[in-house]
Amino acid sequence: QVQLVESGGGLVQTGGSLRLSCAASGITFSITTMGWYRQAPGKQRELVATISSGGRTNYADSVKGRFTISRDNTKNTMTLQMNNLKPEDTAVYYCNAATHEFGVDYDYWGQGTQVTVSS
């Protein structure tokens, strides 16, 4: 059974920090890219950060310099260190994992974890 589980969300004041974690299990093939996406009420889901199996990272402009994504390929885990949080960071954060199997791309999603930043 393929499963992605997020953890680490919560309530924090402006300027505070949180660390989100994602654990992938049941995925037969190697994960090529993992990433974090978020969705706030009334808004579209947006990319926060991605990281390839080789360690290449990509960040949304809104989080550059504040968030850091990392992964452990051996354990198929991923973290998102969020510093200097702002109210606009409030959203449900989703873990994503992508694989490429026999010429086909697969995407897997976690259930999400709530991050709330108070002003």
C-alpha atoms as a PDB file:
ATOM      1  CA  GLN A   1       0.000   0.000   0.000  1.00  0.00           C
ATOM      2  CA  VAL A   2       1.401   3.355  -1.054  1.00  0.00           C
ATOM      3  CA  GLN A   3       1.280   5.905   1.707  1.00  0.00           C
ATOM      4  CA  LEU A   4       2.675   9.366   2.384  1.00  0.00           C
ATOM      5  CA  VAL A   5       2.307  10.702   5.898  1.00  0.00           C
ATOM      6  CA  GLU A   6       2.938  14.324   6.871  1.00  0.00           C
ATOM      7  CA  SER A   7       3.621  15.540  10.364  1.00  0.00           C
ATOM      8  CA  GLY A   8       4.849  18.635  12.179  1.00  0.00           C
ATOM      9  CA  GLY A   9       2.108  21.123  11.428  1.00  0.00           C
ATOM     10  CA  GLY A  10       0.685  23.377  14.076  1.00  0.00           C
ATOM     11  CA  LEU A  11       0.093  26.901  15.282  1.00  0.00           C
ATOM     12  CA  VAL A  12       2.960  29.360  15.472  1.00  0.00           C
ATOM     13  CA  GLN A  13       3.335  33.108  15.811  1.00  0.00           C
ATOM     14  CA  THR A  14       4.690  35.342  13.083  1.00  0.00           C
ATOM     15  CA  GLY A  15       8.446  34.964  12.908  1.00  0.00           C
ATOM     16  CA  GLY A  16       8.407  31.501  14.405  1.00  0.00           C
ATOM     17  CA  SER A  17       9.556  28.213  12.942  1.00  0.00           C
ATOM     18  CA  LEU A  18       8.136  24.794  12.174  1.00  0.00           C
ATOM     19  CA  ARG A  19       9.557  21.645  10.664  1.00  0.00           C
ATOM     20  CA  LEU A  20       7.352  19.439   8.518  1.00  0.00           C
ATOM     21  CA  SER A  21       8.190  15.818   7.825  1.00  0.00           C
ATOM     22  CA  CYS A  22       6.957  13.342   5.243  1.00  0.00           C
ATOM     23  CA  ALA A  23       7.485   9.603   5.245  1.00  0.00           C
ATOM     24  CA  ALA A  24       6.842   7.540   2.122  1.00  0.00           C
ATOM     25  CA  SER A  25       6.117   3.825   2.272  1.00  0.00           C
ATOM     26  CA  GLY A  26       4.872   1.129  -0.055  1.00  0.00           C
ATOM     27  CA  ILE A  27       6.427   2.696  -3.147  1.00  0.00           C
ATOM     28  CA  THR A  28       8.148  -0.021  -5.170  1.00  0.00           C
ATOM     29  CA  PHE A  29      10.225   2.147  -7.480  1.00  0.00           C
ATOM     30  CA  SER A  30      12.694   4.853  -6.618  1.00  0.00           C
ATOM     31  CA  ILE A  31      11.213   8.271  -6.010  1.00  0.00           C
ATOM     32  CA  THR A  32      12.567  10.770  -8.507  1.00  0.00           C
ATOM     33  CA  THR A  33      11.205  13.963  -7.002  1.00  0.00           C
ATOM     34  CA  MET A  34       9.592  14.856  -3.717  1.00  0.00           C
ATOM     35  CA  GLY A  35       7.987  18.143  -2.869  1.00  0.00           C
ATOM     36  CA  TRP A  36       5.757  20.207  -0.679  1.00  0.00           C
ATOM     37  CA  TYR A  37       2.628  21.957  -1.889  1.00  0.00           C
ATOM     38  CA  ARG A  38       0.173  24.072   0.042  1.00  0.00           C
ATOM     39  CA  GLN A  39      -3.383  25.233  -0.305  1.00  0.00           C
ATOM     40  CA  ALA A  40      -5.052  28.040   1.590  1.00  0.00           C
ATOM     41  CA  PRO A  41      -8.841  28.512   1.722  1.00  0.00           C
ATOM     42  CA  GLY A  42     -10.092  30.075  -1.489  1.00  0.00           C
ATOM     43  CA  LYS A  43      -6.764  29.682  -3.223  1.00  0.00           C
ATOM     44  CA  GLN A  44      -5.273  27.213  -5.671  1.00  0.00           C
ATOM     45  CA  ARG A  45      -2.796  24.622  -4.542  1.00  0.00           C
ATOM     46  CA  GLU A  46       0.696  25.959  -5.116  1.00  0.00           C
ATOM     47  CA  LEU A  47       4.192  24.592  -5.159  1.00  0.00           C
ATOM     48  CA  VAL A  48       6.290  25.382  -2.114  1.00  0.00           C
ATOM     49  CA  ALA A  49       9.486  23.455  -2.791  1.00  0.00           C
ATOM     50  CA  THR A  50      10.730  20.345  -4.571  1.00  0.00           C
ATOM     51  CA  ILE A  51      13.850  18.245  -4.325  1.00  0.00           C
ATOM     52  CA  SER A  52      15.152  15.666  -6.780  1.00  0.00           C
ATOM     53  CA  SER A  53      16.829  12.376  -5.955  1.00  0.00           C
ATOM     54  CA  GLY A  54      20.116  14.101  -6.743  1.00  0.00           C
ATOM     55  CA  GLY A  55      19.437  16.870  -4.256  1.00  0.00           C
ATOM     56  CA  ARG A  56      18.478  19.657  -6.642  1.00  0.00           C
ATOM     57  CA  THR A  57      16.000  22.024  -5.044  1.00  0.00           C
ATOM     58  CA  ASN A  58      13.394  24.419  -6.319  1.00  0.00           C
ATOM     59  CA  TYR A  59      11.536  26.986  -4.225  1.00  0.00           C
ATOM     60  CA  ALA A  60       8.613  29.267  -4.726  1.00  0.00           C
ATOM     61  CA  ASP A  61       9.701  32.898  -4.692  1.00  0.00           C
ATOM     62  CA  SER A  62       7.523  33.555  -1.671  1.00  0.00           C
ATOM     63  CA  VAL A  63       9.502  31.146   0.521  1.00  0.00           C
ATOM     64  CA  LYS A  64      13.044  31.542  -0.771  1.00  0.00           C
ATOM     65  CA  GLY A  65      15.463  32.310   2.009  1.00  0.00           C
ATOM     66  CA  ARG A  66      13.001  31.180   4.664  1.00  0.00           C
ATOM     67  CA  PHE A  67      12.240  27.528   3.872  1.00  0.00           C
ATOM     68  CA  THR A  68      14.659  24.666   3.351  1.00  0.00           C
ATOM     69  CA  ILE A  69      13.726  21.310   1.829  1.00  0.00           C
ATOM     70  CA  SER A  70      15.755  18.161   2.355  1.00  0.00           C
ATOM     71  CA  ARG A  71      15.384  14.409   1.900  1.00  0.00           C
ATOM     72  CA  ASP A  72      16.882  11.097   2.871  1.00  0.00           C
ATOM     73  CA  ASN A  73      16.801   8.862  -0.196  1.00  0.00           C
ATOM     74  CA  THR A  74      17.585   5.754   1.807  1.00  0.00           C
ATOM     75  CA  LYS A  75      14.630   6.223   4.125  1.00  0.00           C
ATOM     76  CA  ASN A  76      12.326   7.906   1.600  1.00  0.00           C
ATOM     77  CA  THR A  77      11.691  10.734   3.989  1.00  0.00           C
ATOM     78  CA  MET A  78      11.563  14.469   3.427  1.00  0.00           C
ATOM     79  CA  THR A  79      11.515  17.545   5.614  1.00  0.00           C
ATOM     80  CA  LEU A  80      10.634  21.189   5.202  1.00  0.00           C
ATOM     81  CA  GLN A  81      12.253  23.566   7.657  1.00  0.00           C
ATOM     82  CA  MET A  82      10.187  26.733   7.785  1.00  0.00           C
ATOM     83  CA  ASN A  83      11.679  29.813   9.410  1.00  0.00           C
ATOM     84  CA  ASN A  84      10.457  33.377   9.794  1.00  0.00           C
ATOM     85  CA  LEU A  85       6.898  32.279   9.185  1.00  0.00           C
ATOM     86  CA  LYS A  86       4.315  34.789   8.035  1.00  0.00           C
ATOM     87  CA  PRO A  87       0.506  34.781   8.223  1.00  0.00           C
ATOM     88  CA  GLU A  88       0.398  34.264   4.463  1.00  0.00           C
ATOM     89  CA  ASP A  89       2.108  30.907   4.992  1.00  0.00           C
ATOM     90  CA  THR A  90      -1.070  29.633   6.631  1.00  0.00           C
ATOM     91  CA  ALA A  91      -2.318  26.674   4.611  1.00  0.00           C
ATOM     92  CA  VAL A  92      -2.638  22.922   4.469  1.00  0.00           C
ATOM     93  CA  TYR A  93       0.704  21.531   3.411  1.00  0.00           C
ATOM     94  CA  TYR A  94       0.805  18.389   1.279  1.00  0.00           C
ATOM     95  CA  CYS A  95       3.647  15.986   0.659  1.00  0.00           C
ATOM     96  CA  ASN A  96       4.154  14.765  -2.902  1.00  0.00           C
ATOM     97  CA  ALA A  97       6.297  11.982  -4.320  1.00  0.00           C
ATOM     98  CA  ALA A  98       6.845  11.215  -7.988  1.00  0.00           C
ATOM     99  CA  THR A  99       8.140   8.054  -9.641  1.00  0.00           C
ATOM    100  CA  HIS A 100       8.881   7.031 -13.195  1.00  0.00           C
ATOM    101  CA  GLU A 101       8.051   3.392 -13.909  1.00  0.00           C
ATOM    102  CA  PHE A 102       8.208   1.726 -17.329  1.00  0.00           C
ATOM    103  CA  GLY A 103       7.836   5.043 -19.093  1.00  0.00           C
ATOM    104  CA  VAL A 104       4.946   6.172 -16.918  1.00  0.00           C
ATOM    105  CA  ASP A 105       4.939   8.930 -14.328  1.00  0.00           C
ATOM    106  CA  TYR A 106       3.164   8.382 -11.020  1.00  0.00           C
ATOM    107  CA  ASP A 107       2.290  10.936  -8.376  1.00  0.00           C
ATOM    108  CA  TYR A 108       1.436  10.194  -4.762  1.00  0.00           C
ATOM    109  CA  TRP A 109      -0.007  12.585  -2.205  1.00  0.00           C
ATOM    110  CA  GLY A 110      -0.290  12.738   1.539  1.00  0.00           C
ATOM    111  CA  GLN A 111      -3.353  13.776   3.484  1.00  0.00           C
ATOM    112  CA  GLY A 112      -1.919  17.144   4.443  1.00  0.00           C
ATOM    113  CA  THR A 113      -0.990  18.901   7.653  1.00  0.00           C
ATOM    114  CA  GLN A 114      -2.315  22.261   8.814  1.00  0.00           C
ATOM    115  CA  VAL A 115       0.069  25.154   9.361  1.00  0.00           C
ATOM    116  CA  THR A 116      -1.381  28.266  10.967  1.00  0.00           C
ATOM    117  CA  VAL A 117       0.653  31.415  11.526  1.00  0.00           C
ATOM    118  CA  SER A 118      -0.920  33.994  13.801  1.00  0.00           C
ATOM    119  CA  SER A 119      -0.277  37.710  13.511  1.00  0.00           C
END
